[in-house]
Amino acid sequence: MNLQDFFIRNPRAAIAFSGGVDSSYLLCAAIRCGAQVRAYYVRSAFQPEFELEDARRLSGELRASLRILEIDVLGEEEIASNPGDRCYWCKKKIFTAIAEAAAEDGYSLLLDGTNASDEASDRPGMRALAELSVRSPLRECGLTKEEIRSLSEKEGLFTWKKPAYACLATRIPAGERITEEKLQKTEQAENFLFSLGFRNFRVRMDGGRAKIQVPEEELLPVLKMRRKILQELKKYYEEVLLDLEVRG
């Protein structure tokens, strides 16, 4: 089955839309296939502001209908306490909210951007998607991350080369309580690195310290800018570390 076949069989659907590579291509493909779809973006303390800006930009370029939902993820103890299965509880809350909003708008089918490269064992939130009967057309059609980037480039989507970006909560170690203050520190620190031209990195919390993770090719640029980085990040953290176990 390909996406054209999928949307012939499912011509009307709601799409959980993050503004990332996968959900952006899914939204584009649905529109190109003539499906009647609406995108739903969830705004919470876990999403940096640039993700919302990207979602607005992409949906505007596609002339897609976009509905933005506000959700208080930190109001849920199962999420704020940051257990090992936090992702499950978070996905369940987010997709339940999207499903309810979509039902209000007359959509009974909810889709997400999970692709064929995503391993279920690595994504605890997939259990929540299964429980809520969320379908993943990219995965069902066997499209990998690499293929989606290539197809996105051909469609002229600016998201085709966008780095993978996990939510801000992933920067805080499991078992350590998530607070608004910790999330804001993380977003401010990462925004600063973005401003320096870095794109593929993480600033993780390690107690009161920041641990910067970058791919091997960006180790030297980080070291060259270390004084500037230290000066800024010391506003938010007691110490700033560079993780030599580089990101893949």
Protein backbone atom coordinates (compact mmCIF):
# COMPACT_ATOMS: atom_id res chain seq x y z
CA MET A 1 0.00 0.00 0.00
CA ASN A 2 1.18 3.54 -0.76
CA LEU A 3 -0.03 6.86 0.63
CA GLN A 4 -2.31 7.47 -2.36
CA ASP A 5 -4.09 4.18 -1.64
CA PHE A 6 -4.25 4.99 2.07
CA PHE A 7 -5.97 8.33 1.52
CA ILE A 8 -8.33 6.91 -1.10
CA ARG A 9 -9.52 4.53 1.62
CA ASN A 10 -9.35 7.22 4.32
CA PRO A 11 -10.25 10.51 2.65
CA ARG A 12 -11.01 12.42 5.86
CA ALA A 13 -8.73 12.55 8.88
CA ALA A 14 -7.18 14.59 11.68
CA ILE A 15 -3.37 14.75 11.82
CA ALA A 16 -1.31 15.16 14.98
CA PHE A 17 1.11 17.79 13.74
CA SER A 18 4.38 18.76 15.42
CA GLY A 19 6.01 20.77 12.64
CA GLY A 20 8.75 18.12 12.39
CA VAL A 21 9.95 16.20 9.35
CA ASP A 22 7.48 13.31 9.50
CA SER A 23 4.18 14.96 10.38
CA SER A 24 4.96 17.79 7.93
CA TYR A 25 5.38 15.35 5.06
CA LEU A 26 2.28 13.42 6.13
CA LEU A 27 0.23 16.62 6.07
CA CYS A 28 1.64 17.53 2.66
CA ALA A 29 0.99 14.06 1.23
CA ALA A 30 -2.58 14.02 2.52
CA ILE A 31 -3.30 17.36 0.83
CA ARG A 32 -1.59 16.28 -2.42
CA CYS A 33 -3.73 13.12 -2.38
CA GLY A 34 -6.89 15.21 -2.12
CA ALA A 35 -7.80 14.16 1.41
CA GLN A 36 -9.82 16.42 3.68
CA VAL A 37 -7.56 16.87 6.70
CA ARG A 38 -6.98 19.21 9.61
CA ALA A 39 -3.73 19.53 11.56
CA TYR A 40 -3.67 19.69 15.36
CA TYR A 41 -0.66 21.13 17.17
CA VAL A 42 -0.36 20.68 20.93
CA ARG A 43 1.33 23.56 22.73
CA SER A 44 2.75 22.67 26.14
CA ALA A 45 5.71 23.37 28.42
CA PHE A 46 7.55 20.52 26.68
CA GLN A 47 7.63 22.17 23.25
CA PRO A 48 10.02 25.06 22.48
CA GLU A 49 8.48 28.08 20.80
CA PHE A 50 10.30 27.51 17.50
CA GLU A 51 8.34 24.28 16.98
CA LEU A 52 5.08 26.23 17.01
CA GLU A 53 6.56 28.79 14.61
CA ASP A 54 7.60 25.99 12.24
CA ALA A 55 4.15 24.40 12.48
CA ARG A 56 2.48 27.70 11.62
CA ARG A 57 4.87 28.34 8.75
CA LEU A 58 4.51 24.89 7.21
CA SER A 59 0.73 24.76 7.52
CA GLY A 60 0.57 28.25 6.02
CA GLU A 61 2.70 27.24 3.05
CA LEU A 62 0.47 24.22 2.47
CA ARG A 63 -2.69 26.26 3.13
CA ALA A 64 -3.68 23.60 5.62
CA SER A 65 -6.20 24.08 8.40
CA LEU A 66 -4.36 24.24 11.74
CA ARG A 67 -5.84 24.10 15.23
CA ILE A 68 -3.60 24.80 18.22
CA LEU A 69 -4.43 23.14 21.53
CA GLU A 70 -3.06 24.29 24.91
CA ILE A 71 -2.32 21.46 27.37
CA ASP A 72 -1.00 21.53 30.93
CA VAL A 73 1.28 18.50 30.95
CA LEU A 74 2.88 19.42 34.28
CA GLY A 75 -0.53 19.28 35.92
CA GLU A 76 -0.41 15.47 35.63
CA GLU A 77 1.58 13.78 38.41
CA GLU A 78 2.34 10.75 36.18
CA ILE A 79 4.15 13.16 33.84
CA ALA A 80 5.70 15.76 36.17
CA SER A 81 7.21 13.09 38.45
CA ASN A 82 9.14 11.90 35.36
CA PRO A 83 8.91 8.10 35.74
CA GLY A 84 10.49 5.74 33.24
CA ASP A 85 7.22 5.51 31.31
CA ARG A 86 6.61 9.28 31.29
CA CYS A 87 6.39 9.25 27.51
CA TYR A 88 3.43 6.87 27.67
CA TRP A 89 1.45 9.13 30.01
CA CYS A 90 2.38 12.24 28.06
CA LYS A 91 1.41 10.75 24.69
CA LYS A 92 -1.84 9.49 26.17
CA LYS A 93 -2.76 12.95 27.45
CA ILE A 94 -1.76 14.71 24.24
CA PHE A 95 -3.46 12.32 21.84
CA THR A 96 -6.59 12.09 23.98
CA ALA A 97 -6.85 15.88 23.77
CA ILE A 98 -6.32 15.82 20.00
CA ALA A 99 -8.87 13.02 19.54
CA GLU A 100 -11.46 14.96 21.54
CA ALA A 101 -10.82 18.17 19.57
CA ALA A 102 -10.91 16.28 16.28
CA ALA A 103 -14.22 14.64 17.23
CA GLU A 104 -15.64 18.11 17.92
CA ASP A 105 -14.60 19.04 14.38
CA GLY A 106 -16.16 15.93 12.89
CA TYR A 107 -13.06 13.76 12.43
CA SER A 108 -13.19 10.16 13.66
CA LEU A 109 -9.78 9.05 12.32
CA LEU A 110 -6.57 10.36 13.92
CA LEU A 111 -3.16 9.99 12.23
CA ASP A 112 0.38 10.58 13.41
CA GLY A 113 3.80 10.79 11.77
CA THR A 114 5.46 7.64 13.11
CA ASN A 115 7.57 6.19 10.29
CA ALA A 116 9.00 2.78 9.40
CA SER A 117 12.37 3.66 10.97
CA ASP A 118 10.80 4.10 14.42
CA GLU A 119 11.18 1.01 16.55
CA ALA A 120 8.26 0.33 18.89
CA SER A 121 10.66 -0.83 21.60
CA ASP A 122 12.32 2.60 21.55
CA ARG A 123 9.11 4.58 21.70
CA PRO A 124 7.10 3.94 24.90
CA GLY A 125 4.49 6.37 23.65
CA MET A 126 3.52 3.96 20.88
CA ARG A 127 1.55 1.96 23.44
CA ALA A 128 -0.64 5.00 24.02
CA LEU A 129 -1.15 5.43 20.26
CA ALA A 130 -2.26 1.82 19.95
CA GLU A 131 -4.70 2.17 22.86
CA LEU A 132 -6.24 5.26 21.24
CA SER A 133 -6.42 3.64 17.77
CA VAL A 134 -4.14 6.25 16.22
CA ARG A 135 -2.93 5.17 12.77
CA SER A 136 0.50 5.86 11.30
CA PRO A 137 0.29 5.93 7.47
CA LEU A 138 4.03 6.52 6.96
CA ARG A 139 4.81 3.41 8.97
CA GLU A 140 2.02 1.39 7.37
CA CYS A 141 3.35 2.29 3.91
CA GLY A 142 6.91 1.38 4.86
CA LEU A 143 8.39 4.86 4.49
CA THR A 144 11.69 5.32 6.33
CA LYS A 145 13.09 8.55 7.76
CA GLU A 146 15.60 8.84 4.91
CA GLU A 147 12.87 8.37 2.30
CA ILE A 148 10.65 10.94 4.00
CA ARG A 149 13.45 13.51 3.98
CA SER A 150 14.05 12.87 0.28
CA LEU A 151 10.35 13.12 -0.58
CA SER A 152 10.03 16.27 1.53
CA GLU A 153 12.90 17.89 -0.36
CA LYS A 154 11.22 17.07 -3.68
CA GLU A 155 8.02 18.69 -2.37
CA GLY A 156 9.98 21.81 -1.41
CA LEU A 157 9.21 21.51 2.30
CA PHE A 158 11.67 23.48 4.43
CA THR A 159 11.43 20.73 7.05
CA TRP A 160 13.25 18.18 4.86
CA LYS A 161 16.60 18.87 6.55
CA LYS A 162 15.26 19.76 9.98
CA PRO A 163 17.17 17.86 12.71
CA ALA A 164 15.25 15.39 14.88
CA TYR A 165 14.14 17.18 18.02
CA ALA A 166 12.84 15.34 21.08
CA CYS A 167 10.75 17.29 23.59
CA LEU A 168 12.41 19.36 26.31
CA ALA A 169 11.42 16.84 28.99
CA THR A 170 13.95 14.36 27.57
CA ARG A 171 16.79 16.62 28.77
CA ILE A 172 15.89 15.90 32.41
CA PRO A 173 16.99 12.52 33.85
CA ALA A 174 14.22 10.00 34.52
CA GLY A 175 13.15 10.12 38.15
CA GLU A 176 14.02 13.80 38.55
CA ARG A 177 10.91 15.97 38.84
CA ILE A 178 10.16 18.15 35.83
CA THR A 179 9.45 21.82 36.56
CA GLU A 180 8.68 24.85 34.46
CA GLU A 181 11.97 26.42 35.59
CA LYS A 182 14.07 23.46 34.41
CA LEU A 183 12.33 23.42 31.05
CA GLN A 184 12.83 27.16 30.59
CA LYS A 185 16.54 26.87 31.39
CA THR A 186 16.87 24.13 28.81
CA GLU A 187 15.02 26.09 26.13
CA GLN A 188 17.06 29.25 26.77
CA ALA A 189 20.33 27.32 26.65
CA GLU A 190 19.42 25.51 23.45
CA ASN A 191 18.12 28.69 21.82
CA PHE A 192 21.53 30.25 22.46
CA LEU A 193 23.33 27.35 20.76
CA PHE A 194 20.90 27.63 17.85
CA SER A 195 21.83 31.31 17.59
CA LEU A 196 25.49 30.31 17.23
CA GLY A 197 24.65 28.13 14.23
CA PHE A 198 24.53 24.71 15.88
CA ARG A 199 21.63 22.49 14.79
CA ASN A 200 22.15 18.91 15.93
CA PHE A 201 22.71 18.94 19.69
CA ARG A 202 21.18 18.54 23.14
CA VAL A 203 21.73 20.39 26.42
CA ARG A 204 20.93 17.85 29.12
CA MET A 205 20.59 18.52 32.83
CA ASP A 206 22.92 16.68 35.19
CA GLY A 207 22.05 17.94 38.65
CA GLY A 208 22.84 21.65 38.52
CA ARG A 209 25.10 21.12 35.53
CA ALA A 210 24.57 21.34 31.79
CA LYS A 211 25.89 18.52 29.62
CA ILE A 212 26.25 19.51 25.97
CA GLN A 213 25.98 16.67 23.45
CA VAL A 214 26.93 17.21 19.80
CA PRO A 215 27.97 15.00 16.85
CA GLU A 216 31.70 14.47 16.34
CA GLU A 217 32.00 17.07 13.60
CA GLU A 218 30.75 19.80 15.94
CA LEU A 219 33.09 19.08 18.86
CA LEU A 220 35.79 21.43 17.57
CA PRO A 221 33.38 24.31 16.80
CA VAL A 222 31.97 24.01 20.34
CA LEU A 223 35.46 24.13 21.82
CA LYS A 224 36.36 27.16 19.71
CA MET A 225 33.32 28.98 21.07
CA ARG A 226 33.64 27.63 24.62
CA ARG A 227 34.16 31.02 26.28
CA LYS A 228 31.06 32.48 24.70
CA ILE A 229 29.05 29.33 25.50
CA LEU A 230 30.27 29.23 29.09
CA GLN A 231 29.48 32.90 29.64
CA GLU A 232 25.88 32.41 28.54
CA LEU A 233 25.09 28.97 29.96
CA LYS A 234 26.55 29.78 33.37
CA LYS A 235 23.54 32.09 33.74
CA TYR A 236 21.40 28.97 34.05
CA TYR A 237 23.71 26.21 35.32
CA GLU A 238 26.40 25.82 38.00
CA GLU A 239 28.74 24.05 35.59
CA VAL A 240 28.85 23.41 31.85
CA LEU A 241 30.24 20.08 30.57
CA LEU A 242 30.95 18.80 27.06
CA ASP A 243 30.01 15.12 26.62
CA LEU A 244 32.79 13.32 24.73
CA GLU A 245 30.47 10.37 24.03
CA VAL A 246 29.32 12.15 20.88
CA ARG A 247 25.83 11.90 19.45
CA GLY A 248 25.39 9.62 16.44
